[in-house]
Amino acid sequence: MMRGDVIQTNAEIFASASVVGGKESEGPLGNLFDLRDSCDRFGMKTWEKSESEMQRLALNTAMAKATVNANEIGTLFAGDLLNQCVSSAYGLQTFGIPYVGLYGACSTCAESLLLSSLMVSYGMCNIAAAVTSSHYCSAERQYRTPLEYGAQRAPTAQWTVTGAGAFLVRSADEEMPSDEGRAVVRRCVIGRVQDSGVRDAANMGAAMAPAALDTLCRFFEETQMRPDDYDLIVTGDLGFEGGDILTSLMRAEGYEIGGVYNDCGKMIYDRERQDVHGGGSGCGCSAVVLSADILPRVKRGELSRILFLATGAMMSPDSLKQGEEVLAVAHLLEIEHLP
């Protein structure tokens, strides 16, 4: 019996919140984010504590919007870019919610939403929460060089977003009064780890594009859907380089996505004005763009059906030093508007 890759779900993302730093607030979506701090500190003394505070603020804000208490949330899925997901653990431990720490690199937003959707769709809890973050300064310290070093950036390098997104998910069977439409996760695909052969840590888009290709093609082949059945196919975060590669790879497989395709790493910054080279990246990039821009458009009915696909580079500083390829994974959610 052949394995089916597409998982049926019936989950509503009923509340979300976004928290960003200064560079993100100056971009094209700047006025859409819930909370902003121009100095990226959020009142904390270290960058790691700042990232933890972003997660705390994001979840608090999402809960306040939905008038949900922590004791109503059955499971909390959260992750970030740092070792042992310390930003998530320190930022969210005071909520007292059963916690699952995730590491999917930049795919973590889709990963956490996918798992939350499964939990509520199959009756394992009434409400699940998904929280994801990244911070430019903490990521630079762990993966690259100290900020004071002032290393030259490659043209294909992407800028790690300082941001956190939080989402609350419940069964779509629950009819709750609302002044706006609903965003419902109908189907999901769990990504497979792919090896593109890329060893260049400054070109994550090229390394991750084949993972997005694999997941999209599996979804289209099993469902018999086509790209033009969707108002938007959005990845996070292939950036400009990886986005172009994905479009070409999909065309070679017989799928033309150019008319409906975009990438969160391209949407969050103004490439010319902000000098971000290859675009945005980081766990927080797709999370804040989804929360602040894409989900509201789905709820308003401006987007009736979308594919949200987050890609992650599965590597470490040590694996790069040892000459290993940058592996990648991509998880997919099909999200629909309901009145």
Foldseek 3Di string as FASTA:
>chain_A
DDDAQKDFFFKFFPFKAKEFEQQLLPFPLNVLHDYYHPVLQCPHDDNLQSLLQQQLVGVVVRCVVVVHALVQAAEEEEAFADPPRVSPCVNCVVSVHHYDYDDAKQQQQLVQVVVQRVCQRVPVHFKYKYKYFYAQQVCCVFANNHPVVVDDADLQAFGETGMMMMTMMGGNVDDDDDPWWIKTWTMKGWWDKDFQVALDPRQVLSRFLVRVLVRVVSVCVNVVDALVVWQAEEEAASFDVNVVVNQVVCVVVVHHNVVHYDYLQHRSHDCVPSVRRRGYHTNRRLRRCCNRPVRVCQRRVVTFKYKYKYKRFPDGNVCSVVPHTTMMHMMITIIGIDD
